[in-house]
Amino acid sequence: MMLATQRWKTMIEEEHAQSERIRGAVPPPDDHWRPYAQQFRADPRRTDDSLVNRLLQEVTPDHTVLDVGAGGGRLALPLALRCRHLVAVEPSSSMCAVLRQQVSECSIRNVSVVEAHWEEAEVDAADVVLCAHVMYVVSGIERFVRKLETHARERVLVLLYQARPQSQLHPLWKRVHGEERLPLPSLPEFEEVLSELGIDAHVELLPPQPARGFDDQEQALEQLGRRLYLAPDSRQMAALEGMLPDLLEEMDGGFAIRGAKLREPGLVWWQPQRAPR
């Protein structure tokens, strides 16, 4: 029987191998998030975000917070407004640029940005460590989780969906490429990993969230083509463009994939077993 950590690694390796095979001559981007980074801007003082409101319950004004994979700061900045100091670790230069821009625009002065992958980041321990929607592609899951633990004084918080964020594209993958998309590990597999590592974690299912949409059909074609690894002038891209009228529906001033399932997030939390360094 395959160990949970090995199964996690194997799922990622098989998904990546499929991606490389389908990608063919389309080169991988230097910064995957560059085309999407601006979409991760959000008002840090918003009060209508149920996820932010839930996370704020975990933080006090005396806490220090470490956000691993902070992106453009959608969660980090609201938490920074509540806590004493927040360190945001983020490897994407485009995401860091959005994060720093928002820190400046919103006059938030208690945020430090560390542009690095978590595995290589050198940061101090914090009271609360948050890692939101990062682990789907982390093949060395045990090392990653253990480092979260050793940097948390009071609590580790992990957010993952029941199915990977791009699972809404899986039916499209079959139509375009003629084969099923291999899944990445997500919340169910993570629970198995934690059990194998001897971590007694709590899992709280949060309200479902709609999948991220598109501003217009042009943006939808560009982003869907990129996520499906289609060359801009290819026959497959032309076929995808022909699918758009049936594929998309107007929603909230933009467009969404018709019939896309709501994303089901889970909050996993536990008290660290090892003393932080």
Protein backbone atom coordinates (compact mmCIF):
# COMPACT_ATOMS: atom_id res chain seq x y z
CA MET A 1 0.00 0.00 0.00
CA MET A 2 1.40 3.39 -1.02
CA LEU A 3 2.16 5.81 1.79
CA ALA A 4 0.13 9.03 1.81
CA THR A 5 3.21 11.20 1.31
CA GLN A 6 4.33 9.06 -1.62
CA ARG A 7 0.85 9.11 -3.17
CA TRP A 8 0.85 12.90 -2.85
CA LYS A 9 4.21 13.13 -4.63
CA THR A 10 3.18 10.65 -7.33
CA MET A 11 -0.02 12.56 -8.14
CA ILE A 12 1.96 15.75 -8.65
CA GLU A 13 4.62 14.05 -10.76
CA GLU A 14 2.01 12.39 -12.99
CA GLU A 15 0.05 15.63 -13.44
CA HIS A 16 3.23 17.55 -14.28
CA ALA A 17 4.32 14.87 -16.76
CA GLN A 18 0.96 15.12 -18.51
CA SER A 19 1.29 18.91 -18.61
CA GLU A 20 4.76 18.72 -20.16
CA ARG A 21 3.59 16.22 -22.76
CA ILE A 22 0.59 18.32 -23.76
CA ARG A 23 2.52 21.58 -23.59
CA GLY A 24 4.93 20.41 -26.28
CA ALA A 25 6.51 23.44 -27.91
CA VAL A 26 4.67 25.94 -25.70
CA PRO A 27 7.38 27.01 -23.22
CA PRO A 28 6.54 27.27 -19.52
CA PRO A 29 6.44 30.88 -18.24
CA ASP A 30 9.18 32.27 -16.04
CA ASP A 31 6.51 33.51 -13.64
CA HIS A 32 3.28 31.54 -13.87
CA TRP A 33 1.33 34.20 -11.98
CA ARG A 34 2.30 37.25 -14.04
CA PRO A 35 -0.85 37.22 -16.25
CA TYR A 36 -3.10 36.80 -13.21
CA ALA A 37 -1.41 38.81 -10.45
CA GLN A 38 -3.61 41.89 -10.73
CA GLN A 39 -6.68 39.71 -10.15
CA PHE A 40 -5.44 39.06 -6.62
CA ARG A 41 -5.94 42.65 -5.53
CA ALA A 42 -8.64 43.14 -2.93
CA ASP A 43 -9.65 45.81 -0.43
CA PRO A 44 -7.88 44.81 2.80
CA ARG A 45 -10.61 46.54 4.82
CA ARG A 46 -13.50 44.63 3.24
CA THR A 47 -16.04 43.25 5.69
CA ASP A 48 -18.11 41.00 3.40
CA ASP A 49 -15.54 38.24 2.88
CA SER A 50 -16.55 35.21 4.97
CA LEU A 51 -13.12 33.60 4.65
CA VAL A 52 -11.30 36.72 5.85
CA ASN A 53 -13.76 37.10 8.71
CA ARG A 54 -13.10 33.49 9.75
CA LEU A 55 -9.33 33.91 9.67
CA LEU A 56 -9.53 37.13 11.66
CA GLN A 57 -10.91 35.05 14.54
CA GLU A 58 -7.50 33.36 14.78
CA VAL A 59 -5.49 36.57 15.16
CA THR A 60 -5.20 39.12 17.96
CA PRO A 61 -3.48 42.54 17.99
CA ASP A 62 -0.58 40.97 19.92
CA HIS A 63 0.04 38.19 17.40
CA THR A 64 2.72 37.95 14.77
CA VAL A 65 1.65 36.18 11.57
CA LEU A 66 3.56 34.38 8.84
CA ASP A 67 1.69 34.00 5.53
CA VAL A 68 3.37 31.35 3.38
CA GLY A 69 2.48 31.88 -0.26
CA ALA A 70 0.85 35.24 0.37
CA GLY A 71 0.25 36.03 -3.30
CA GLY A 72 -1.01 39.56 -3.86
CA GLY A 73 -2.09 39.88 -0.23
CA ARG A 74 -5.80 39.04 -0.41
CA LEU A 75 -5.60 37.37 3.01
CA ALA A 76 -2.32 38.77 4.32
CA LEU A 77 -3.32 42.43 4.34
CA PRO A 78 -6.61 42.08 6.26
CA LEU A 79 -4.70 40.02 8.83
CA ALA A 80 -1.95 42.63 8.96
CA LEU A 81 -4.54 45.23 9.94
CA ARG A 82 -5.43 43.06 12.93
CA CYS A 83 -2.03 41.74 14.10
CA ARG A 84 1.21 43.25 15.42
CA HIS A 85 3.36 42.25 12.45
CA LEU A 86 2.99 40.04 9.38
CA VAL A 87 5.70 38.45 7.24
CA ALA A 88 4.56 37.51 3.73
CA VAL A 89 6.60 34.82 1.96
CA GLU A 90 5.94 34.70 -1.79
CA PRO A 91 8.15 33.39 -4.63
CA SER A 92 6.37 35.13 -7.55
CA SER A 93 7.90 38.52 -8.38
CA SER A 94 4.66 39.69 -10.01
CA MET A 95 2.63 38.73 -6.94
CA CYS A 96 5.16 40.48 -4.69
CA ALA A 97 4.84 43.61 -6.82
CA VAL A 98 1.06 43.63 -6.34
CA LEU A 99 1.47 42.98 -2.63
CA ARG A 100 4.00 45.79 -2.15
CA GLN A 101 1.87 48.16 -4.21
CA GLN A 102 -1.17 47.49 -2.03
CA VAL A 103 0.86 47.85 1.16
CA SER A 104 1.93 51.30 -0.06
CA GLU A 105 -1.49 52.37 -1.36
CA CYS A 106 -3.24 51.32 1.86
CA SER A 107 -0.54 52.73 4.18
CA ILE A 108 -0.04 49.41 5.96
CA ARG A 109 3.25 49.64 7.82
CA ASN A 110 3.58 46.31 9.63
CA VAL A 111 4.20 44.00 6.66
CA SER A 112 7.54 42.53 5.59
CA VAL A 113 7.76 40.79 2.20
CA VAL A 114 10.19 37.91 1.66
CA GLU A 115 10.46 37.01 -2.03
CA ALA A 116 11.37 33.33 -1.83
CA HIS A 117 10.03 29.80 -1.98
CA TRP A 118 9.05 28.54 1.47
CA GLU A 119 11.59 25.74 1.36
CA GLU A 120 14.44 28.29 1.01
CA ALA A 121 12.97 31.20 2.99
CA GLU A 122 14.86 32.30 6.09
CA VAL A 123 12.34 33.85 8.47
CA ASP A 124 11.70 33.94 12.20
CA ALA A 125 8.95 31.98 13.92
CA ALA A 126 5.54 33.61 14.34
CA ASP A 127 2.56 33.02 16.59
CA VAL A 128 0.30 32.02 13.70
CA VAL A 129 1.42 30.49 10.40
CA LEU A 130 -1.01 30.56 7.46
CA CYS A 131 -0.64 28.71 4.16
CA ALA A 132 -3.53 29.19 1.73
CA HIS A 133 -3.93 27.24 -1.52
CA VAL A 134 -0.24 26.56 -2.01
CA MET A 135 0.31 22.86 -1.40
CA TYR A 136 -1.35 21.42 -4.52
CA VAL A 137 2.03 21.45 -6.32
CA VAL A 138 4.39 20.89 -3.37
CA SER A 139 5.91 17.47 -4.00
CA GLY A 140 8.06 17.48 -0.84
CA ILE A 141 5.01 17.72 1.36
CA GLU A 142 6.52 16.37 4.60
CA ARG A 143 9.42 18.82 4.59
CA PHE A 144 7.04 21.67 3.74
CA VAL A 145 4.61 20.84 6.55
CA ARG A 146 7.35 20.27 9.13
CA LYS A 147 8.80 23.68 8.36
CA LEU A 148 5.37 25.26 8.87
CA GLU A 149 5.24 23.54 12.26
CA THR A 150 8.68 24.62 13.39
CA HIS A 151 7.82 28.25 12.57
CA ALA A 152 4.49 28.35 14.44
CA ARG A 153 4.37 29.11 18.15
CA GLU A 154 0.62 28.68 18.60
CA ARG A 155 -1.18 27.47 15.48
CA VAL A 156 -0.76 26.37 11.87
CA LEU A 157 -3.62 27.24 9.50
CA VAL A 158 -3.87 25.62 6.06
CA LEU A 159 -6.50 26.32 3.42
CA LEU A 160 -7.17 23.82 0.65
CA TYR A 161 -10.07 23.10 -1.65
CA GLN A 162 -11.74 19.71 -1.83
CA ALA A 163 -10.60 19.67 -5.47
CA ARG A 164 -7.74 21.70 -6.95
CA PRO A 165 -8.70 25.26 -8.05
CA GLN A 166 -8.44 24.48 -11.78
CA SER A 167 -10.67 21.41 -11.61
CA GLN A 168 -13.41 23.44 -13.33
CA LEU A 169 -11.31 23.12 -16.49
CA HIS A 170 -11.15 19.32 -16.42
CA PRO A 171 -14.19 18.83 -18.73
CA LEU A 172 -12.62 21.29 -21.19
CA TRP A 173 -9.37 19.34 -21.10
CA LYS A 174 -11.20 16.25 -22.39
CA ARG A 175 -12.89 18.24 -25.18
CA VAL A 176 -9.68 19.93 -26.31
CA HIS A 177 -7.06 17.24 -25.74
CA GLY A 178 -9.15 14.08 -25.90
CA GLU A 179 -8.03 12.73 -22.53
CA GLU A 180 -8.94 13.07 -18.89
CA ARG A 181 -6.98 15.62 -16.87
CA LEU A 182 -5.00 13.98 -14.11
CA PRO A 183 -5.82 15.52 -10.72
CA LEU A 184 -3.48 17.17 -8.26
CA PRO A 185 -3.76 16.30 -4.57
CA SER A 186 -6.03 18.49 -2.48
CA LEU A 187 -7.83 18.46 0.87
CA PRO A 188 -8.72 14.73 1.12
CA GLU A 189 -5.13 13.69 0.35
CA PHE A 190 -3.78 16.32 2.75
CA GLU A 191 -5.82 14.87 5.59
CA GLU A 192 -4.23 11.49 4.86
CA VAL A 193 -0.75 13.04 4.84
CA LEU A 194 -1.31 14.69 8.23
CA SER A 195 -2.55 11.42 9.68
CA GLU A 196 0.55 9.66 8.41
CA LEU A 197 2.76 12.36 9.93
CA GLY A 198 1.05 11.94 13.30
CA ILE A 199 -0.47 15.42 13.26
CA ASP A 200 -3.80 15.69 15.06
CA ALA A 201 -5.50 18.34 12.93
CA HIS A 202 -8.97 19.84 12.91
CA VAL A 203 -10.79 20.23 9.58
CA GLU A 204 -13.49 22.86 9.20
CA LEU A 205 -15.43 23.01 5.95
CA LEU A 206 -16.12 26.61 4.93
CA PRO A 207 -18.89 28.09 2.77
CA PRO A 208 -18.49 27.23 -0.94
CA GLN A 209 -17.02 29.90 -3.19
CA PRO A 210 -17.70 30.59 -6.89
CA ALA A 211 -14.84 29.91 -9.27
CA ARG A 212 -12.92 32.98 -10.41
CA GLY A 213 -14.41 34.39 -13.62
CA PHE A 214 -13.22 36.59 -16.47
CA ASP A 215 -13.66 40.28 -17.22
CA ASP A 216 -14.57 39.64 -20.87
CA GLN A 217 -14.47 36.95 -23.53
CA GLU A 218 -11.06 38.06 -24.78
CA GLN A 219 -9.56 37.55 -21.34
CA ALA A 220 -11.36 34.21 -21.05
CA LEU A 221 -9.88 32.98 -24.34
CA GLU A 222 -6.38 34.12 -23.39
CA GLN A 223 -6.41 32.62 -19.91
CA LEU A 224 -8.16 29.38 -20.85
CA GLY A 225 -5.78 28.90 -23.75
CA ARG A 226 -2.80 29.40 -21.46
CA ARG A 227 -4.15 26.99 -18.84
CA LEU A 228 -4.82 24.39 -21.51
CA TYR A 229 -1.32 24.87 -23.00
CA LEU A 230 -2.56 25.97 -26.42
CA ALA A 231 -0.35 27.83 -28.88
CA PRO A 232 -1.95 31.20 -29.81
CA ASP A 233 -2.40 30.46 -33.53
CA SER A 234 -3.10 26.76 -33.25
CA ARG A 235 -6.08 24.83 -34.56
CA GLN A 236 -6.99 23.96 -30.96
CA MET A 237 -7.06 27.63 -29.96
CA ALA A 238 -9.40 28.37 -32.85
CA ALA A 239 -11.61 25.50 -31.73
CA LEU A 240 -11.63 26.84 -28.18
CA GLU A 241 -12.67 30.28 -29.43
CA GLY A 242 -15.58 28.65 -31.24
CA MET A 243 -16.67 26.99 -27.99
CA LEU A 244 -16.82 30.23 -25.98
CA PRO A 245 -20.47 31.21 -26.68
CA ASP A 246 -21.65 27.88 -25.29
CA LEU A 247 -18.91 27.62 -22.68
CA LEU A 248 -19.38 30.97 -20.93
CA GLU A 249 -22.26 32.69 -19.21
CA GLU A 250 -22.51 36.30 -18.09
CA MET A 251 -22.32 36.76 -14.35
CA ASP A 252 -21.78 39.78 -12.10
CA GLY A 253 -20.58 42.02 -14.91
CA GLY A 254 -18.16 39.43 -16.29
CA PHE A 255 -18.11 35.87 -17.56
CA ALA A 256 -17.87 32.49 -15.85
CA ILE A 257 -17.66 28.93 -17.14
CA ARG A 258 -21.21 27.69 -17.52
CA GLY A 259 -22.12 25.16 -14.87
CA ALA A 260 -18.80 25.47 -13.02
CA LYS A 261 -19.06 23.88 -9.60
CA LEU A 262 -18.59 25.97 -6.50
CA ARG A 263 -15.18 25.59 -4.89
CA GLU A 264 -15.34 23.92 -1.48
CA PRO A 265 -12.62 25.21 0.84
CA GLY A 266 -11.53 23.60 4.05
CA LEU A 267 -9.62 25.17 6.93
CA VAL A 268 -7.17 22.74 8.53
CA TRP A 269 -5.57 23.80 11.79
CA TRP A 270 -3.44 22.31 14.51
CA GLN A 271 -1.16 23.26 17.34
CA PRO A 272 2.53 22.68 16.55
CA GLN A 273 4.15 19.64 18.06
CA ARG A 274 7.66 20.99 17.97
CA ALA A 275 9.08 24.10 19.56
CA PRO A 276 9.82 26.84 16.99
CA ARG A 277 13.40 27.78 16.45
